[in-house]
Amino acid sequence: MVKIDRQYSSVEIEKAEEVLLHEKTLINGTYNKKEVVEALKLVFHKKCYLCENKNVTSYQIDHLRPHRQDKDKKFDWENLFLSCAHCNSIKSDAFEHILDCSIEDIDSMISFRKTGRFCHDERIVIQPLSSEQKVL
């Protein structure tokens, strides 16, 4: 997980926000629109926000904070994250203890270290740098 900057402006993001506003007014509106997915790909560098996989065959839109019965959260651009199907199914509606990579200083909360060569003996270690529950 890396820090994501959502504070920049682009035509794609503006279009996605317009689409979300329009879809929110519809009875059967959906956040899963091409414009929204493309803008999320731009913001998240075409990687799942949880596992950072770039070889995603099917992107999904994840809501960091569950949106059940809450239309505002369902269409809130700041609540939409690009995810792979695997991570989205594991996370499901869980929100507790999930870092928000667009707000948190990820580098001060978790450490990523690789040891070994680029072969079978390679090991990856991810360690918490904080004792906060959301990091553990």
N, C-alpha and C. Protein backbone atom coordinates (compact mmCIF):
# COMPACT_ATOMS: atom_id res chain seq x y z
N MET A 1 0.85 -1.17 0.00
CA MET A 1 0.00 0.00 0.00
C MET A 1 0.90 1.23 0.00
N VAL A 2 0.57 2.16 -0.87
CA VAL A 2 1.32 3.41 -0.96
C VAL A 2 0.37 4.59 -0.82
N LYS A 3 0.92 5.73 -0.50
CA LYS A 3 0.14 6.96 -0.36
C LYS A 3 -0.41 7.36 -1.73
N ILE A 4 -1.68 7.67 -1.78
CA ILE A 4 -2.36 8.09 -3.00
C ILE A 4 -2.77 9.55 -2.87
N ASP A 5 -2.43 10.34 -3.87
CA ASP A 5 -2.78 11.76 -3.88
C ASP A 5 -4.06 11.96 -4.68
N ARG A 6 -5.13 12.27 -3.98
CA ARG A 6 -6.41 12.51 -4.65
C ARG A 6 -6.67 14.01 -4.83
N GLN A 7 -5.72 14.84 -4.46
CA GLN A 7 -5.95 16.28 -4.45
C GLN A 7 -5.57 16.98 -5.74
N TYR A 8 -5.27 16.25 -6.78
CA TYR A 8 -4.96 16.92 -8.03
C TYR A 8 -6.19 16.89 -8.94
N SER A 9 -6.18 17.75 -9.92
CA SER A 9 -7.34 17.89 -10.79
C SER A 9 -7.00 17.37 -12.18
N SER A 10 -7.97 16.75 -12.81
CA SER A 10 -7.82 16.31 -14.20
C SER A 10 -9.20 16.26 -14.83
N VAL A 11 -9.23 16.27 -16.13
CA VAL A 11 -10.50 16.19 -16.86
C VAL A 11 -11.21 14.89 -16.53
N GLU A 12 -10.45 13.80 -16.42
CA GLU A 12 -11.04 12.48 -16.13
C GLU A 12 -11.71 12.46 -14.76
N ILE A 13 -11.08 13.06 -13.78
CA ILE A 13 -11.64 13.08 -12.43
C ILE A 13 -12.89 13.96 -12.38
N GLU A 14 -12.82 15.12 -13.02
CA GLU A 14 -13.99 16.00 -13.07
C GLU A 14 -15.17 15.31 -13.74
N LYS A 15 -14.92 14.60 -14.83
CA LYS A 15 -15.97 13.87 -15.53
C LYS A 15 -16.55 12.77 -14.63
N ALA A 16 -15.68 12.05 -13.94
CA ALA A 16 -16.14 10.99 -13.04
C ALA A 16 -17.03 11.56 -11.94
N GLU A 17 -16.65 12.69 -11.38
CA GLU A 17 -17.45 13.32 -10.32
C GLU A 17 -18.80 13.78 -10.87
N GLU A 18 -18.83 14.28 -12.10
CA GLU A 18 -20.10 14.68 -12.73
C GLU A 18 -21.00 13.46 -12.93
N VAL A 19 -20.42 12.37 -13.42
CA VAL A 19 -21.18 11.14 -13.64
C VAL A 19 -21.75 10.64 -12.32
N LEU A 20 -20.95 10.66 -11.25
CA LEU A 20 -21.43 10.21 -9.94
C LEU A 20 -22.58 11.08 -9.44
N LEU A 21 -22.47 12.39 -9.61
CA LEU A 21 -23.56 13.29 -9.20
C LEU A 21 -24.84 12.97 -9.96
N HIS A 22 -24.72 12.74 -11.26
CA HIS A 22 -25.89 12.41 -12.07
C HIS A 22 -26.48 11.06 -11.66
N GLU A 23 -25.64 10.05 -11.54
CA GLU A 23 -26.11 8.71 -11.18
C GLU A 23 -26.79 8.69 -9.81
N LYS A 24 -26.32 9.53 -8.92
CA LYS A 24 -26.90 9.61 -7.57
C LYS A 24 -28.36 10.05 -7.62
N THR A 25 -28.73 10.83 -8.63
CA THR A 25 -30.11 11.32 -8.74
C THR A 25 -31.06 10.28 -9.32
N LEU A 26 -30.53 9.23 -9.90
CA LEU A 26 -31.35 8.20 -10.54
C LEU A 26 -31.78 7.14 -9.53
N ILE A 27 -32.94 6.58 -9.75
CA ILE A 27 -33.45 5.53 -8.87
C ILE A 27 -32.52 4.32 -8.89
N ASN A 28 -32.09 3.91 -10.07
CA ASN A 28 -31.20 2.76 -10.21
C ASN A 28 -29.80 3.20 -10.62
N GLY A 29 -29.35 4.32 -10.10
CA GLY A 29 -28.02 4.83 -10.45
C GLY A 29 -26.92 3.89 -9.99
N THR A 30 -25.81 3.92 -10.71
CA THR A 30 -24.68 3.07 -10.37
C THR A 30 -23.38 3.86 -10.38
N TYR A 31 -22.49 3.51 -9.50
CA TYR A 31 -21.16 4.13 -9.45
C TYR A 31 -20.21 3.42 -10.40
N ASN A 32 -20.60 2.25 -10.87
CA ASN A 32 -19.73 1.42 -11.72
C ASN A 32 -19.86 1.83 -13.18
N LYS A 33 -19.38 3.02 -13.48
CA LYS A 33 -19.44 3.58 -14.83
C LYS A 33 -18.02 3.67 -15.39
N LYS A 34 -17.92 3.60 -16.71
CA LYS A 34 -16.61 3.63 -17.38
C LYS A 34 -15.79 4.85 -16.95
N GLU A 35 -16.43 6.01 -16.89
CA GLU A 35 -15.71 7.24 -16.54
C GLU A 35 -15.12 7.17 -15.13
N VAL A 36 -15.85 6.54 -14.23
CA VAL A 36 -15.39 6.42 -12.84
C VAL A 36 -14.21 5.45 -12.76
N VAL A 37 -14.33 4.31 -13.43
CA VAL A 37 -13.25 3.33 -13.43
C VAL A 37 -11.98 3.93 -14.04
N GLU A 38 -12.12 4.64 -15.15
CA GLU A 38 -10.94 5.24 -15.80
C GLU A 38 -10.28 6.28 -14.91
N ALA A 39 -11.07 7.09 -14.22
CA ALA A 39 -10.50 8.09 -13.31
C ALA A 39 -9.80 7.41 -12.13
N LEU A 40 -10.39 6.34 -11.61
CA LEU A 40 -9.75 5.60 -10.51
C LEU A 40 -8.45 4.96 -10.97
N LYS A 41 -8.42 4.46 -12.19
CA LYS A 41 -7.17 3.90 -12.73
C LYS A 41 -6.08 4.97 -12.76
N LEU A 42 -6.47 6.17 -13.12
CA LEU A 42 -5.51 7.28 -13.16
C LEU A 42 -4.98 7.58 -11.75
N VAL A 43 -5.88 7.73 -10.80
CA VAL A 43 -5.51 8.08 -9.43
C VAL A 43 -4.68 6.98 -8.77
N PHE A 44 -5.06 5.73 -8.98
CA PHE A 44 -4.39 4.60 -8.32
C PHE A 44 -3.31 3.95 -9.19
N HIS A 45 -2.93 4.62 -10.26
CA HIS A 45 -1.83 4.16 -11.13
C HIS A 45 -2.08 2.75 -11.66
N LYS A 46 -3.35 2.44 -11.95
CA LYS A 46 -3.77 1.13 -12.48
C LYS A 46 -3.39 -0.02 -11.57
N LYS A 47 -3.36 0.24 -10.25
CA LYS A 47 -3.02 -0.81 -9.28
C LYS A 47 -4.13 -0.92 -8.23
N CYS A 48 -4.32 -2.14 -7.75
CA CYS A 48 -5.21 -2.36 -6.62
C CYS A 48 -4.65 -1.61 -5.42
N TYR A 49 -5.49 -0.88 -4.71
CA TYR A 49 -5.00 -0.08 -3.58
C TYR A 49 -4.53 -0.94 -2.41
N LEU A 50 -4.94 -2.18 -2.34
CA LEU A 50 -4.54 -3.04 -1.22
C LEU A 50 -3.28 -3.86 -1.54
N CYS A 51 -3.29 -4.59 -2.63
CA CYS A 51 -2.14 -5.47 -2.93
C CYS A 51 -1.18 -4.86 -3.94
N GLU A 52 -1.56 -3.78 -4.57
CA GLU A 52 -0.76 -3.07 -5.58
C GLU A 52 -0.47 -3.89 -6.82
N ASN A 53 -1.30 -4.87 -7.10
CA ASN A 53 -1.15 -5.68 -8.30
C ASN A 53 -1.44 -4.82 -9.53
N LYS A 54 -0.52 -4.83 -10.49
CA LYS A 54 -0.72 -4.09 -11.74
C LYS A 54 -1.29 -4.98 -12.83
N ASN A 55 -1.30 -6.27 -12.62
CA ASN A 55 -1.78 -7.21 -13.64
C ASN A 55 -3.22 -7.63 -13.35
N VAL A 56 -4.04 -6.66 -13.08
CA VAL A 56 -5.44 -6.93 -12.75
C VAL A 56 -6.21 -7.21 -14.04
N THR A 57 -6.91 -8.33 -14.08
CA THR A 57 -7.70 -8.65 -15.27
C THR A 57 -9.09 -8.02 -15.20
N SER A 58 -9.58 -7.81 -14.01
CA SER A 58 -10.90 -7.21 -13.84
C SER A 58 -10.88 -6.27 -12.64
N TYR A 59 -10.94 -4.98 -12.93
CA TYR A 59 -10.96 -3.99 -11.85
C TYR A 59 -12.34 -3.95 -11.22
N GLN A 60 -12.36 -3.70 -9.93
CA GLN A 60 -13.61 -3.48 -9.21
C GLN A 60 -13.50 -2.18 -8.44
N ILE A 61 -14.64 -1.60 -8.16
CA ILE A 61 -14.68 -0.39 -7.36
C ILE A 61 -15.03 -0.80 -5.94
N ASP A 62 -14.15 -0.47 -5.03
CA ASP A 62 -14.37 -0.79 -3.62
C ASP A 62 -14.77 0.48 -2.89
N HIS A 63 -15.66 0.35 -1.94
CA HIS A 63 -16.02 1.45 -1.05
C HIS A 63 -15.24 1.23 0.24
N LEU A 64 -14.36 2.16 0.57
CA LEU A 64 -13.58 2.01 1.80
C LEU A 64 -14.52 1.90 3.00
N ARG A 65 -15.47 2.81 3.08
CA ARG A 65 -16.49 2.75 4.12
C ARG A 65 -17.75 2.15 3.49
N PRO A 66 -18.29 1.09 4.06
CA PRO A 66 -19.47 0.44 3.48
C PRO A 66 -20.59 1.44 3.22
N HIS A 67 -21.30 1.23 2.12
CA HIS A 67 -22.32 2.19 1.69
C HIS A 67 -23.75 1.69 1.83
N ARG A 68 -23.95 0.54 2.38
CA ARG A 68 -25.32 0.00 2.47
C ARG A 68 -26.29 1.02 3.06
N GLN A 69 -27.36 1.25 2.32
CA GLN A 69 -28.42 2.17 2.74
C GLN A 69 -27.94 3.62 2.90
N ASP A 70 -26.79 3.95 2.36
CA ASP A 70 -26.27 5.32 2.46
C ASP A 70 -25.84 5.78 1.07
N LYS A 71 -26.75 6.47 0.40
CA LYS A 71 -26.51 6.90 -0.97
C LYS A 71 -25.34 7.88 -1.06
N ASP A 72 -25.15 8.68 -0.02
CA ASP A 72 -24.03 9.63 -0.04
C ASP A 72 -22.70 8.90 -0.10
N LYS A 73 -22.53 7.86 0.71
CA LYS A 73 -21.29 7.08 0.69
C LYS A 73 -21.14 6.29 -0.61
N LYS A 74 -22.26 5.83 -1.14
CA LYS A 74 -22.24 5.03 -2.36
C LYS A 74 -21.67 5.80 -3.54
N PHE A 75 -21.97 7.10 -3.62
CA PHE A 75 -21.54 7.92 -4.76
C PHE A 75 -20.47 8.94 -4.40
N ASP A 76 -19.88 8.82 -3.23
CA ASP A 76 -18.84 9.75 -2.79
C ASP A 76 -17.50 9.38 -3.43
N TRP A 77 -16.99 10.26 -4.28
CA TRP A 77 -15.72 10.03 -4.97
C TRP A 77 -14.60 9.66 -4.00
N GLU A 78 -14.55 10.31 -2.86
CA GLU A 78 -13.48 10.07 -1.88
C GLU A 78 -13.60 8.69 -1.23
N ASN A 79 -14.74 8.04 -1.36
CA ASN A 79 -14.97 6.72 -0.76
C ASN A 79 -14.73 5.59 -1.77
N LEU A 80 -14.44 5.93 -3.01
CA LEU A 80 -14.25 4.92 -4.05
C LEU A 80 -12.76 4.63 -4.25
N PHE A 81 -12.42 3.35 -4.27
CA PHE A 81 -11.03 2.91 -4.40
C PHE A 81 -10.95 1.82 -5.46
N LEU A 82 -9.86 1.81 -6.22
CA LEU A 82 -9.66 0.80 -7.25
C LEU A 82 -9.14 -0.48 -6.60
N SER A 83 -9.78 -1.59 -6.92
CA SER A 83 -9.45 -2.85 -6.27
C SER A 83 -9.43 -3.98 -7.29
N CYS A 84 -8.67 -5.01 -6.98
CA CYS A 84 -8.77 -6.25 -7.76
C CYS A 84 -9.89 -7.08 -7.13
N ALA A 85 -10.41 -8.03 -7.90
CA ALA A 85 -11.53 -8.85 -7.42
C ALA A 85 -11.15 -9.62 -6.16
N HIS A 86 -9.92 -10.13 -6.11
CA HIS A 86 -9.48 -10.92 -4.96
C HIS A 86 -9.53 -10.11 -3.67
N CYS A 87 -8.89 -8.94 -3.68
CA CYS A 87 -8.86 -8.11 -2.47
C CYS A 87 -10.25 -7.61 -2.09
N ASN A 88 -11.04 -7.25 -3.09
CA ASN A 88 -12.38 -6.74 -2.81
C ASN A 88 -13.25 -7.82 -2.16
N SER A 89 -13.08 -9.07 -2.59
CA SER A 89 -13.88 -10.15 -1.99
C SER A 89 -13.43 -10.47 -0.57
N ILE A 90 -12.13 -10.34 -0.31
CA ILE A 90 -11.62 -10.58 1.05
C ILE A 90 -12.09 -9.48 1.99
N LYS A 91 -11.97 -8.24 1.54
CA LYS A 91 -12.35 -7.10 2.38
C LYS A 91 -13.86 -7.09 2.62
N SER A 92 -14.63 -7.37 1.59
CA SER A 92 -16.09 -7.37 1.68
C SER A 92 -16.57 -6.04 2.25
N ASP A 93 -17.41 -6.08 3.29
CA ASP A 93 -17.92 -4.85 3.91
C ASP A 93 -17.10 -4.42 5.12
N ALA A 94 -15.98 -5.06 5.34
CA ALA A 94 -15.15 -4.71 6.50
C ALA A 94 -14.55 -3.32 6.31
N PHE A 95 -14.56 -2.55 7.34
CA PHE A 95 -13.93 -1.23 7.29
C PHE A 95 -12.97 -1.04 8.45
N GLU A 96 -13.29 -1.64 9.56
CA GLU A 96 -12.46 -1.44 10.74
C GLU A 96 -11.01 -1.80 10.44
N HIS A 97 -10.14 -0.95 10.87
CA HIS A 97 -8.70 -1.20 10.80
C HIS A 97 -8.15 -1.26 9.37
N ILE A 98 -8.80 -0.59 8.44
CA ILE A 98 -8.26 -0.47 7.08
C ILE A 98 -7.67 0.92 6.95
N LEU A 99 -6.41 1.00 6.56
CA LEU A 99 -5.78 2.30 6.36
C LEU A 99 -6.36 2.98 5.12
N ASP A 100 -6.60 4.26 5.21
CA ASP A 100 -7.03 5.05 4.06
C ASP A 100 -5.78 5.62 3.42
N CYS A 101 -5.36 5.02 2.33
CA CYS A 101 -4.10 5.41 1.69
C CYS A 101 -4.15 6.79 1.04
N SER A 102 -5.32 7.41 1.01
CA SER A 102 -5.40 8.77 0.47
C SER A 102 -5.31 9.82 1.58
N ILE A 103 -5.33 9.37 2.83
CA ILE A 103 -5.25 10.29 3.97
C ILE A 103 -4.03 10.01 4.84
N GLU A 104 -3.83 8.74 5.16
CA GLU A 104 -2.76 8.34 6.09
C GLU A 104 -1.37 8.48 5.47
N ASP A 105 -0.38 8.73 6.30
CA ASP A 105 1.02 8.73 5.87
C ASP A 105 1.51 7.28 5.96
N ILE A 106 1.28 6.55 4.90
CA ILE A 106 1.54 5.11 4.87
C ILE A 106 2.98 4.77 5.22
N ASP A 107 3.93 5.54 4.70
CA ASP A 107 5.35 5.25 4.95
C ASP A 107 5.74 5.34 6.42
N SER A 108 4.99 6.08 7.21
CA SER A 108 5.30 6.16 8.64
C SER A 108 4.55 5.10 9.44
N MET A 109 3.68 4.33 8.76
CA MET A 109 2.87 3.35 9.47
C MET A 109 3.26 1.91 9.19
N ILE A 110 3.74 1.65 7.99
CA ILE A 110 4.16 0.29 7.66
C ILE A 110 5.49 0.33 6.91
N SER A 111 6.26 -0.72 7.07
CA SER A 111 7.56 -0.84 6.44
C SER A 111 7.53 -2.03 5.48
N PHE A 112 8.11 -1.85 4.33
CA PHE A 112 8.19 -2.89 3.32
C PHE A 112 9.65 -3.17 3.04
N ARG A 113 10.05 -4.42 3.18
CA ARG A 113 11.46 -4.77 2.98
C ARG A 113 11.54 -6.09 2.21
N LYS A 114 12.46 -6.15 1.26
CA LYS A 114 12.67 -7.36 0.48
C LYS A 114 14.07 -7.88 0.77
N THR A 115 14.17 -9.18 0.97
CA THR A 115 15.48 -9.81 1.16
C THR A 115 15.64 -10.93 0.15
N GLY A 116 16.86 -11.33 -0.10
CA GLY A 116 17.12 -12.40 -1.06
C GLY A 116 17.25 -11.87 -2.47
N ARG A 117 17.37 -12.78 -3.40
CA ARG A 117 17.50 -12.43 -4.81
C ARG A 117 16.14 -12.48 -5.48
N PHE A 118 16.12 -12.11 -6.73
CA PHE A 118 14.87 -12.18 -7.48
C PHE A 118 14.66 -13.61 -7.98
N CYS A 119 14.48 -14.51 -7.05
CA CYS A 119 14.24 -15.91 -7.41
C CYS A 119 13.51 -16.59 -6.26
N HIS A 120 13.66 -17.89 -6.14
CA HIS A 120 12.89 -18.66 -5.18
C HIS A 120 13.16 -18.32 -3.71
N ASP A 121 14.31 -17.75 -3.39
CA ASP A 121 14.61 -17.46 -1.98
C ASP A 121 14.20 -16.04 -1.56
N GLU A 122 13.52 -15.34 -2.44
CA GLU A 122 13.10 -13.97 -2.14
C GLU A 122 12.06 -13.97 -1.01
N ARG A 123 12.21 -13.03 -0.09
CA ARG A 123 11.27 -12.89 1.02
C ARG A 123 10.85 -11.43 1.12
N ILE A 124 9.60 -11.25 1.39
CA ILE A 124 9.06 -9.90 1.57
C ILE A 124 8.54 -9.78 2.98
N VAL A 125 8.94 -8.73 3.67
CA VAL A 125 8.52 -8.50 5.05
C VAL A 125 7.79 -7.16 5.11
N ILE A 126 6.59 -7.20 5.63
CA ILE A 126 5.83 -5.97 5.86
C ILE A 126 5.61 -5.88 7.36
N GLN A 127 6.09 -4.79 7.96
CA GLN A 127 6.00 -4.64 9.41
C GLN A 127 5.29 -3.35 9.78
N PRO A 128 4.49 -3.39 10.84
CA PRO A 128 3.87 -2.15 11.33
C PRO A 128 4.92 -1.28 12.01
N LEU A 129 4.83 0.01 11.80
CA LEU A 129 5.72 0.96 12.45
C LEU A 129 4.99 1.72 13.55
N SER A 130 3.76 1.33 13.78
CA SER A 130 2.92 1.98 14.77
C SER A 130 2.12 0.91 15.50
N SER A 131 1.76 1.18 16.72
CA SER A 131 0.95 0.21 17.47
C SER A 131 -0.54 0.53 17.39
N GLU A 132 -0.91 1.48 16.54
CA GLU A 132 -2.33 1.79 16.35
C GLU A 132 -3.04 0.57 15.80
N GLN A 133 -4.25 0.33 16.25
CA GLN A 133 -5.01 -0.85 15.85
C GLN A 133 -5.19 -0.92 14.34
N LYS A 134 -5.42 0.22 13.69
CA LYS A 134 -5.66 0.19 12.25
C LYS A 134 -4.41 -0.21 11.47
N VAL A 135 -3.25 -0.13 12.08
CA VAL A 135 -2.01 -0.52 11.42
C VAL A 135 -1.72 -2.00 11.67
N LEU A 136 -2.05 -2.48 12.86
CA LEU A 136 -1.78 -3.87 13.21
C LEU A 136 -2.71 -4.77 12.45
